[in-house]
């Protein structure tokens, strides 16, 4: 693995029981190898990552805007149901 890359894994660790992302060294038969045998194959879910800066959160709408959109969608659905009932 390249020197700039780090190997990340998702799951619990000895010090934190909740699932989380953590970086650790990869060693055949040791840390980062699920089969725990020195056989030239590292078997572990995960992958190398190159993070150059802090990850920014994804922006979302404020709560009031989400409630407004949900209300508009509800009114549109209600008007569609009423139109279908009138045509029957």
PDB file of N, CA and C in Angstrom:
ATOM      1  N   UNK A   1       0.849  -1.169   0.000  1.00  0.00           N
ATOM      2  CA  UNK A   1       0.000   0.000   0.000  1.00  0.00           C
ATOM      3  C   UNK A   1       0.899   1.237   0.000  1.00  0.00           C
ATOM      4  N   UNK A   2       0.431   2.267  -0.667  1.00  0.00           N
ATOM      5  CA  UNK A   2       1.205   3.506  -0.755  1.00  0.00           C
ATOM      6  C   UNK A   2       1.361   4.154   0.624  1.00  0.00           C
ATOM      7  N   UNK A   3       2.411   4.944   0.777  1.00  0.00           N
ATOM      8  CA  UNK A   3       2.664   5.579   2.073  1.00  0.00           C
ATOM      9  C   UNK A   3       1.623   6.640   2.408  1.00  0.00           C
ATOM     10  N   UNK A   4       0.955   7.241   1.408  1.00  0.00           N
ATOM     11  CA  UNK A   4      -0.037   8.279   1.663  1.00  0.00           C
ATOM     12  C   UNK A   4      -1.399   7.699   2.026  1.00  0.00           C
ATOM     13  N   UNK A   5      -1.594   6.404   1.813  1.00  0.00           N
ATOM     14  CA  UNK A   5      -2.902   5.792   2.047  1.00  0.00           C
ATOM     15  C   UNK A   5      -2.991   5.223   3.461  1.00  0.00           C
ATOM     16  N   UNK A   6      -4.199   5.205   3.979  1.00  0.00           N
ATOM     17  CA  UNK A   6      -4.475   4.570   5.266  1.00  0.00           C
ATOM     18  C   UNK A   6      -5.564   3.551   5.037  1.00  0.00           C
ATOM     19  N   UNK A   7      -5.554   2.471   5.775  1.00  0.00           N
ATOM     20  CA  UNK A   7      -6.539   1.406   5.638  1.00  0.00           C
ATOM     21  C   UNK A   7      -7.621   1.607   6.680  1.00  0.00           C
ATOM     22  N   UNK A   8      -8.858   1.759   6.239  1.00  0.00           N
ATOM     23  CA  UNK A   8      -9.973   1.990   7.139  1.00  0.00           C
ATOM     24  C   UNK A   8     -10.872   0.767   7.216  1.00  0.00           C
ATOM     25  N   UNK A   9     -11.404   0.530   8.390  1.00  0.00           N
ATOM     26  CA  UNK A   9     -12.313  -0.581   8.622  1.00  0.00           C
ATOM     27  C   UNK A   9     -13.494  -0.071   9.427  1.00  0.00           C
ATOM     28  N   UNK A  10     -14.652  -0.709   9.237  1.00  0.00           N
ATOM     29  CA  UNK A  10     -15.861  -0.325   9.963  1.00  0.00           C
ATOM     30  C   UNK A  10     -16.264  -1.458  10.895  1.00  0.00           C
ATOM     31  N   UNK A  11     -16.440  -1.143  12.159  1.00  0.00           N
ATOM     32  CA  UNK A  11     -16.852  -2.145  13.128  1.00  0.00           C
ATOM     33  C   UNK A  11     -16.429  -1.748  14.527  1.00  0.00           C
ATOM     34  N   UNK A  12     -16.682  -2.612  15.492  1.00  0.00           N
ATOM     35  CA  UNK A  12     -16.291  -2.308  16.869  1.00  0.00           C
ATOM     36  C   UNK A  12     -14.801  -2.549  17.088  1.00  0.00           C
ATOM     37  N   UNK A  13     -14.252  -1.889  18.067  1.00  0.00           N
ATOM     38  CA  UNK A  13     -12.869  -2.123  18.470  1.00  0.00           C
ATOM     39  C   UNK A  13     -12.862  -2.497  19.950  1.00  0.00           C
ATOM     40  N   UNK A  14     -11.705  -2.825  20.462  1.00  0.00           N
ATOM     41  CA  UNK A  14     -11.601  -3.242  21.863  1.00  0.00           C
ATOM     42  C   UNK A  14     -12.006  -2.120  22.818  1.00  0.00           C
ATOM     43  N   UNK A  15     -11.702  -0.861  22.459  1.00  0.00           N
ATOM     44  CA  UNK A  15     -12.003   0.249  23.356  1.00  0.00           C
ATOM     45  C   UNK A  15     -13.359   0.914  23.093  1.00  0.00           C
ATOM     46  N   UNK A  16     -13.941   0.739  21.879  1.00  0.00           N
ATOM     47  CA  UNK A  16     -15.245   1.315  21.546  1.00  0.00           C
ATOM     48  C   UNK A  16     -16.130   0.195  21.012  1.00  0.00           C
ATOM     49  N   UNK A  17     -17.204  -0.139  21.737  1.00  0.00           N
ATOM     50  CA  UNK A  17     -18.034  -1.285  21.346  1.00  0.00           C
ATOM     51  C   UNK A  17     -19.001  -0.967  20.207  1.00  0.00           C
ATOM     52  N   UNK A  18     -19.302   0.316  19.965  1.00  0.00           N
ATOM     53  CA  UNK A  18     -20.204   0.686  18.871  1.00  0.00           C
ATOM     54  C   UNK A  18     -19.444   0.651  17.541  1.00  0.00           C
ATOM     55  N   UNK A  19     -20.168   0.309  16.451  1.00  0.00           N
ATOM     56  CA  UNK A  19     -19.540   0.311  15.125  1.00  0.00           C
ATOM     57  C   UNK A  19     -19.102   1.719  14.752  1.00  0.00           C
ATOM     58  N   UNK A  20     -17.902   1.849  14.214  1.00  0.00           N
ATOM     59  CA  UNK A  20     -17.361   3.138  13.781  1.00  0.00           C
ATOM     60  C   UNK A  20     -16.230   2.882  12.796  1.00  0.00           C
ATOM     61  N   UNK A  21     -15.830   3.928  12.043  1.00  0.00           N
ATOM     62  CA  UNK A  21     -14.695   3.819  11.129  1.00  0.00           C
ATOM     63  C   UNK A  21     -13.410   4.068  11.908  1.00  0.00           C
ATOM     64  N   UNK A  22     -12.403   3.240  11.652  1.00  0.00           N
ATOM     65  CA  UNK A  22     -11.115   3.444  12.296  1.00  0.00           C
ATOM     66  C   UNK A  22     -10.007   2.996  11.346  1.00  0.00           C
ATOM     67  N   UNK A  23      -8.852   3.619  11.490  1.00  0.00           N
ATOM     68  CA  UNK A  23      -7.696   3.271  10.663  1.00  0.00           C
ATOM     69  C   UNK A  23      -6.776   2.362  11.468  1.00  0.00           C
ATOM     70  N   UNK A  24      -6.173   1.401  10.786  1.00  0.00           N
ATOM     71  CA  UNK A  24      -5.229   0.514  11.462  1.00  0.00           C
ATOM     72  C   UNK A  24      -4.228  -0.020  10.449  1.00  0.00           C
ATOM     73  N   UNK A  25      -3.094  -0.495  10.909  1.00  0.00           N
ATOM     74  CA  UNK A  25      -2.115  -1.081   9.983  1.00  0.00           C
ATOM     75  C   UNK A  25      -2.608  -2.426   9.452  1.00  0.00           C
ATOM     76  N   UNK A  26      -2.167  -2.784   8.273  1.00  0.00           N
ATOM     77  CA  UNK A  26      -2.554  -4.053   7.664  1.00  0.00           C
ATOM     78  C   UNK A  26      -1.353  -4.985   7.694  1.00  0.00           C
ATOM     79  N   UNK A  27      -1.516  -6.144   8.315  1.00  0.00           N
ATOM     80  CA  UNK A  27      -0.444  -7.126   8.419  1.00  0.00           C
ATOM     81  C   UNK A  27      -0.992  -8.492   8.044  1.00  0.00           C
ATOM     82  N   UNK A  28      -0.330  -9.191   7.146  1.00  0.00           N
ATOM     83  CA  UNK A  28      -0.759 -10.532   6.763  1.00  0.00           C
ATOM     84  C   UNK A  28      -0.681 -11.450   7.979  1.00  0.00           C
ATOM     85  N   UNK A  29      -1.831 -11.999   8.361  1.00  0.00           N
ATOM     86  CA  UNK A  29      -1.891 -12.868   9.531  1.00  0.00           C
ATOM     87  C   UNK A  29      -2.070 -12.120  10.832  1.00  0.00           C
ATOM     88  N   UNK A  30      -2.141 -10.799  10.781  1.00  0.00           N
ATOM     89  CA  UNK A  30      -2.272 -10.010  12.003  1.00  0.00           C
ATOM     90  C   UNK A  30      -3.412  -9.025  11.896  1.00  0.00           C
ATOM     91  N   UNK A  31      -3.162  -7.810  12.370  1.00  0.00           N
ATOM     92  CA  UNK A  31      -4.196  -6.774  12.346  1.00  0.00           C
ATOM     93  C   UNK A  31      -4.613  -6.486  10.908  1.00  0.00           C
ATOM     94  N   UNK A  32      -5.921  -6.464  10.665  1.00  0.00           N
ATOM     95  CA  UNK A  32      -6.433  -6.194   9.331  1.00  0.00           C
ATOM     96  C   UNK A  32      -6.560  -7.421   8.461  1.00  0.00           C
ATOM     97  N   UNK A  33      -6.349  -8.616   8.988  1.00  0.00           N
ATOM     98  CA  UNK A  33      -6.463  -9.856   8.213  1.00  0.00           C
ATOM     99  C   UNK A  33      -7.441 -10.784   8.925  1.00  0.00           C
ATOM    100  N   UNK A  34      -8.627 -10.998   8.301  1.00  0.00           N
ATOM    101  CA  UNK A  34      -9.675 -11.790   8.954  1.00  0.00           C
ATOM    102  C   UNK A  34      -9.333 -13.264   9.083  1.00  0.00           C
ATOM    103  N   UNK A  35      -8.548 -13.814   8.150  1.00  0.00           N
ATOM    104  CA  UNK A  35      -8.260 -15.255   8.238  1.00  0.00           C
ATOM    105  C   UNK A  35      -7.124 -15.575   9.213  1.00  0.00           C
ATOM    106  N   UNK A  36      -6.418 -14.559   9.695  1.00  0.00           N
ATOM    107  CA  UNK A  36      -5.365 -14.680  10.710  1.00  0.00           C
ATOM    108  C   UNK A  36      -4.275 -15.696  10.364  1.00  0.00           C
ATOM    109  N   UNK A  37      -4.064 -15.958   9.085  1.00  0.00           N
ATOM    110  CA  UNK A  37      -2.980 -16.859   8.688  1.00  0.00           C
ATOM    111  C   UNK A  37      -2.040 -16.136   7.728  1.00  0.00           C
ATOM    112  N   UNK A  38      -0.744 -16.382   7.884  1.00  0.00           N
ATOM    113  CA  UNK A  38       0.260 -15.765   7.015  1.00  0.00           C
ATOM    114  C   UNK A  38       0.322 -16.591   5.735  1.00  0.00           C
ATOM    115  N   UNK A  39      -0.472 -16.170   4.741  1.00  0.00           N
ATOM    116  CA  UNK A  39      -0.560 -16.917   3.493  1.00  0.00           C
ATOM    117  C   UNK A  39      -0.426 -16.035   2.262  1.00  0.00           C
ATOM    118  N   UNK A  40      -0.004 -14.785   2.438  1.00  0.00           N
ATOM    119  CA  UNK A  40       0.157 -13.870   1.313  1.00  0.00           C
ATOM    120  C   UNK A  40      -1.132 -13.219   0.862  1.00  0.00           C
ATOM    121  N   UNK A  41      -2.237 -13.501   1.549  1.00  0.00           N
ATOM    122  CA  UNK A  41      -3.534 -12.932   1.196  1.00  0.00           C
ATOM    123  C   UNK A  41      -4.104 -12.226   2.421  1.00  0.00           C
ATOM    124  N   UNK A  42      -4.480 -10.965   2.252  1.00  0.00           N
ATOM    125  CA  UNK A  42      -5.130 -10.225   3.327  1.00  0.00           C
ATOM    126  C   UNK A  42      -6.619 -10.225   3.033  1.00  0.00           C
ATOM    127  N   UNK A  43      -7.384 -10.896   3.882  1.00  0.00           N
ATOM    128  CA  UNK A  43      -8.817 -11.062   3.708  1.00  0.00           C
ATOM    129  C   UNK A  43      -9.526 -10.255   4.779  1.00  0.00           C
ATOM    130  N   UNK A  44     -10.007  -9.066   4.409  1.00  0.00           N
ATOM    131  CA  UNK A  44     -10.684  -8.213   5.367  1.00  0.00           C
ATOM    132  C   UNK A  44     -11.508  -7.171   4.624  1.00  0.00           C
ATOM    133  N   UNK A  45     -12.783  -6.974   5.012  1.00  0.00           N
ATOM    134  CA  UNK A  45     -13.560  -5.923   4.358  1.00  0.00           C
ATOM    135  C   UNK A  45     -13.024  -4.554   4.739  1.00  0.00           C
ATOM    136  N   UNK A  46     -12.879  -3.706   3.781  1.00  0.00           N
ATOM    137  CA  UNK A  46     -12.354  -2.367   3.995  1.00  0.00           C
ATOM    138  C   UNK A  46     -11.577  -1.952   2.767  1.00  0.00           C
ATOM    139  N   UNK A  47     -10.876  -0.874   2.842  1.00  0.00           N
ATOM    140  CA  UNK A  47     -10.097  -0.435   1.700  1.00  0.00           C
ATOM    141  C   UNK A  47      -9.242   0.765   2.028  1.00  0.00           C
ATOM    142  N   UNK A  48      -8.254   1.024   1.175  1.00  0.00           N
ATOM    143  CA  UNK A  48      -7.396   2.188   1.401  1.00  0.00           C
ATOM    144  C   UNK A  48      -8.152   3.480   1.120  1.00  0.00           C
ATOM    145  N   UNK A  49      -7.813   4.520   1.837  1.00  0.00           N
ATOM    146  CA  UNK A  49      -8.462   5.820   1.646  1.00  0.00           C
ATOM    147  C   UNK A  49      -7.409   6.917   1.703  1.00  0.00           C
ATOM    148  N   UNK A  50      -7.650   7.949   0.947  1.00  0.00           N
ATOM    149  CA  UNK A  50      -6.756   9.101   0.927  1.00  0.00           C
ATOM    150  C   UNK A  50      -7.584  10.314   1.278  1.00  0.00           C
ATOM    151  N   UNK A  51      -7.523  10.760   2.519  1.00  0.00           N
ATOM    152  CA  UNK A  51      -8.299  11.900   2.985  1.00  0.00           C
ATOM    153  C   UNK A  51      -7.347  13.076   3.131  1.00  0.00           C
ATOM    154  N   UNK A  52      -7.612  14.134   2.350  1.00  0.00           N
ATOM    155  CA  UNK A  52      -6.708  15.276   2.343  1.00  0.00           C
ATOM    156  C   UNK A  52      -7.129  16.387   3.296  1.00  0.00           C
ATOM    157  N   UNK A  53      -8.385  16.383   3.704  1.00  0.00           N
ATOM    158  CA  UNK A  53      -8.872  17.427   4.597  1.00  0.00           C
ATOM    159  C   UNK A  53     -10.064  16.894   5.388  1.00  0.00           C
ATOM    160  N   UNK A  54     -10.553  17.698   6.321  1.00  0.00           N
ATOM    161  CA  UNK A  54     -11.734  17.299   7.072  1.00  0.00           C
ATOM    162  C   UNK A  54     -12.927  17.189   6.128  1.00  0.00           C
ATOM    163  N   UNK A  55     -13.757  16.207   6.350  1.00  0.00           N
ATOM    164  CA  UNK A  55     -14.931  15.992   5.521  1.00  0.00           C
ATOM    165  C   UNK A  55     -16.045  16.916   5.993  1.00  0.00           C
ATOM    166  N   UNK A  56     -16.632  17.665   5.061  1.00  0.00           N
ATOM    167  CA  UNK A  56     -17.700  18.602   5.401  1.00  0.00           C
ATOM    168  C   UNK A  56     -19.046  17.877   5.410  1.00  0.00           C
ATOM    169  N   UNK A  57     -19.931  18.233   6.319  1.00  0.00           N
ATOM    170  CA  UNK A  57     -21.254  17.614   6.326  1.00  0.00           C
ATOM    171  C   UNK A  57     -22.053  18.022   5.090  1.00  0.00           C
ATOM    172  N   UNK A  58     -22.963  17.165   4.687  1.00  0.00           N
ATOM    173  CA  UNK A  58     -23.813  17.452   3.531  1.00  0.00           C
ATOM    174  C   UNK A  58     -24.903  18.427   3.970  1.00  0.00           C
ATOM    175  N   UNK A  59     -25.051  19.550   3.259  1.00  0.00           N
ATOM    176  CA  UNK A  59     -26.075  20.513   3.675  1.00  0.00           C
ATOM    177  C   UNK A  59     -27.483  19.996   3.392  1.00  0.00           C
ATOM    178  N   UNK A  60     -28.401  20.290   4.271  1.00  0.00           N
ATOM    179  CA  UNK A  60     -29.809  19.909   4.105  1.00  0.00           C
ATOM    180  C   UNK A  60     -30.676  21.132   4.354  1.00  0.00           C
ATOM    181  N   UNK A  61     -31.950  20.974   4.110  1.00  0.00           N
ATOM    182  CA  UNK A  61     -32.891  22.060   4.373  1.00  0.00           C
ATOM    183  C   UNK A  61     -33.150  22.177   5.872  1.00  0.00           C
ATOM    184  N   UNK A  62     -33.483  23.388   6.324  1.00  0.00           N
ATOM    185  CA  UNK A  62     -33.864  23.529   7.737  1.00  0.00           C
ATOM    186  C   UNK A  62     -35.172  22.794   8.017  1.00  0.00           C
ATOM    187  N   UNK A  63     -35.439  22.551   9.280  1.00  0.00           N
ATOM    188  CA  UNK A  63     -36.612  21.769   9.672  1.00  0.00           C
ATOM    189  C   UNK A  63     -37.905  22.399   9.171  1.00  0.00           C
ATOM    190  N   UNK A  64     -38.021  23.725   9.224  1.00  0.00           N
ATOM    191  CA  UNK A  64     -39.250  24.376   8.781  1.00  0.00           C
ATOM    192  C   UNK A  64     -39.480  24.149   7.296  1.00  0.00           C
ATOM    193  N   UNK A  65     -38.417  24.139   6.493  1.00  0.00           N
ATOM    194  CA  UNK A  65     -38.564  23.922   5.052  1.00  0.00           C
ATOM    195  C   UNK A  65     -38.977  22.476   4.756  1.00  0.00           C
ATOM    196  N   UNK A  66     -38.435  21.527   5.518  1.00  0.00           N
ATOM    197  CA  UNK A  66     -38.832  20.136   5.340  1.00  0.00           C
ATOM    198  C   UNK A  66     -40.310  19.945   5.684  1.00  0.00           C
ATOM    199  N   UNK A  67     -40.766  20.594   6.752  1.00  0.00           N
ATOM    200  CA  UNK A  67     -42.176  20.501   7.132  1.00  0.00           C
ATOM    201  C   UNK A  67     -43.064  21.142   6.074  1.00  0.00           C
ATOM    202  N   UNK A  68     -42.645  22.270   5.511  1.00  0.00           N
ATOM    203  CA  UNK A  68     -43.405  22.930   4.460  1.00  0.00           C
ATOM    204  C   UNK A  68     -43.521  22.039   3.230  1.00  0.00           C
ATOM    205  N   UNK A  69     -42.401  21.432   2.818  1.00  0.00           N
ATOM    206  CA  UNK A  69     -42.430  20.532   1.663  1.00  0.00           C
ATOM    207  C   UNK A  69     -43.307  19.314   1.915  1.00  0.00           C
ATOM    208  N   UNK A  70     -43.248  18.763   3.125  1.00  0.00           N
ATOM    209  CA  UNK A  70     -44.093  17.610   3.461  1.00  0.00           C
ATOM    210  C   UNK A  70     -45.571  18.010   3.402  1.00  0.00           C
ATOM    211  N   UNK A  71     -45.902  19.194   3.880  1.00  0.00           N
ATOM    212  CA  UNK A  71     -47.282  19.666   3.823  1.00  0.00           C
ATOM    213  C   UNK A  71     -47.762  19.852   2.390  1.00  0.00           C
ATOM    214  N   UNK A  72     -46.920  20.428   1.543  1.00  0.00           N
ATOM    215  CA  UNK A  72     -47.281  20.610   0.128  1.00  0.00           C
ATOM    216  C   UNK A  72     -47.489  19.263  -0.547  1.00  0.00           C
ATOM    217  N   UNK A  73     -46.609  18.320  -0.270  1.00  0.00           N
ATOM    218  CA  UNK A  73     -46.761  16.985  -0.863  1.00  0.00           C
ATOM    219  C   UNK A  73     -48.044  16.320  -0.383  1.00  0.00           C
ATOM    220  N   UNK A  74     -48.388  16.493   0.894  1.00  0.00           N
ATOM    221  CA  UNK A  74     -49.619  15.929   1.426  1.00  0.00           C
ATOM    222  C   UNK A  74     -50.843  16.535   0.763  1.00  0.00           C
ATOM    223  N   UNK A  75     -50.843  17.866   0.560  1.00  0.00           N
ATOM    224  CA  UNK A  75     -51.982  18.521  -0.098  1.00  0.00           C
ATOM    225  C   UNK A  75     -52.110  18.060  -1.546  1.00  0.00           C
ATOM    226  N   UNK A  76     -50.998  17.909  -2.249  1.00  0.00           N
ATOM    227  CA  UNK A  76     -51.045  17.420  -3.630  1.00  0.00           C
ATOM    228  C   UNK A  76     -51.591  15.995  -3.689  1.00  0.00           C
ATOM    229  N   UNK A  77     -51.164  15.142  -2.768  1.00  0.00           N
ATOM    230  CA  UNK A  77     -51.660  13.765  -2.740  1.00  0.00           C
ATOM    231  C   UNK A  77     -53.153  13.743  -2.428  1.00  0.00           C
ATOM    232  N   UNK A  78     -53.605  14.583  -1.500  1.00  0.00           N
ATOM    233  CA  UNK A  78     -55.018  14.647  -1.148  1.00  0.00           C
ATOM    234  C   UNK A  78     -55.857  15.119  -2.333  1.00  0.00           C
ATOM    235  N   UNK A  79     -55.380  16.124  -3.062  1.00  0.00           N
ATOM    236  CA  UNK A  79     -56.134  16.607  -4.225  1.00  0.00           C
ATOM    237  C   UNK A  79     -56.202  15.538  -5.311  1.00  0.00           C
ATOM    238  N   UNK A  80     -55.163  14.746  -5.468  1.00  0.00           N
ATOM    239  CA  UNK A  80     -55.171  13.657  -6.448  1.00  0.00           C
ATOM    240  C   UNK A  80     -56.192  12.589  -6.051  1.00  0.00           C
ATOM    241  N   UNK A  81     -56.250  12.240  -4.773  1.00  0.00           N
ATOM    242  CA  UNK A  81     -57.213  11.247  -4.289  1.00  0.00           C
ATOM    243  C   UNK A  81     -58.635  11.762  -4.494  1.00  0.00           C
ATOM    244  N   UNK A  82     -58.868  13.032  -4.214  1.00  0.00           N
ATOM    245  CA  UNK A  82     -60.212  13.600  -4.386  1.00  0.00           C
ATOM    246  C   UNK A  82     -60.621  13.593  -5.847  1.00  0.00           C
ATOM    247  N   UNK A  83     -59.672  13.880  -6.775  1.00  0.00           N
ATOM    248  CA  UNK A  83     -59.976  13.856  -8.205  1.00  0.00           C
ATOM    249  C   UNK A  83     -60.330  12.450  -8.668  1.00  0.00           C
ATOM    250  N   UNK A  84     -59.619  11.454  -8.149  1.00  0.00           N
ATOM    251  CA  UNK A  84     -59.883  10.068  -8.539  1.00  0.00           C
ATOM    252  C   UNK A  84     -61.251   9.644  -8.021  1.00  0.00           C
ATOM    253  N   UNK A  85     -61.615  10.036  -6.797  1.00  0.00           N
ATOM    254  CA  UNK A  85     -62.909   9.680  -6.221  1.00  0.00           C
ATOM    255  C   UNK A  85     -64.058  10.333  -6.988  1.00  0.00           C
ATOM    256  N   UNK A  86     -63.869  11.571  -7.481  1.00  0.00           N
ATOM    257  CA  UNK A  86     -64.919  12.277  -8.230  1.00  0.00           C
ATOM    258  C   UNK A  86     -65.140  11.630  -9.594  1.00  0.00           C
ATOM    259  N   UNK A  87     -64.076  11.081 -10.182  1.00  0.00           N
ATOM    260  CA  UNK A  87     -64.218  10.479 -11.514  1.00  0.00           C
ATOM    261  C   UNK A  87     -64.875   9.111 -11.465  1.00  0.00           C
ATOM    262  N   UNK A  88     -64.945   8.493 -10.283  1.00  0.00           N
ATOM    263  CA  UNK A  88     -65.577   7.150 -10.164  1.00  0.00           C
ATOM    264  C   UNK A  88     -67.052   7.214 -10.136  1.00  0.00           C
TER     265      UNK A  88
END
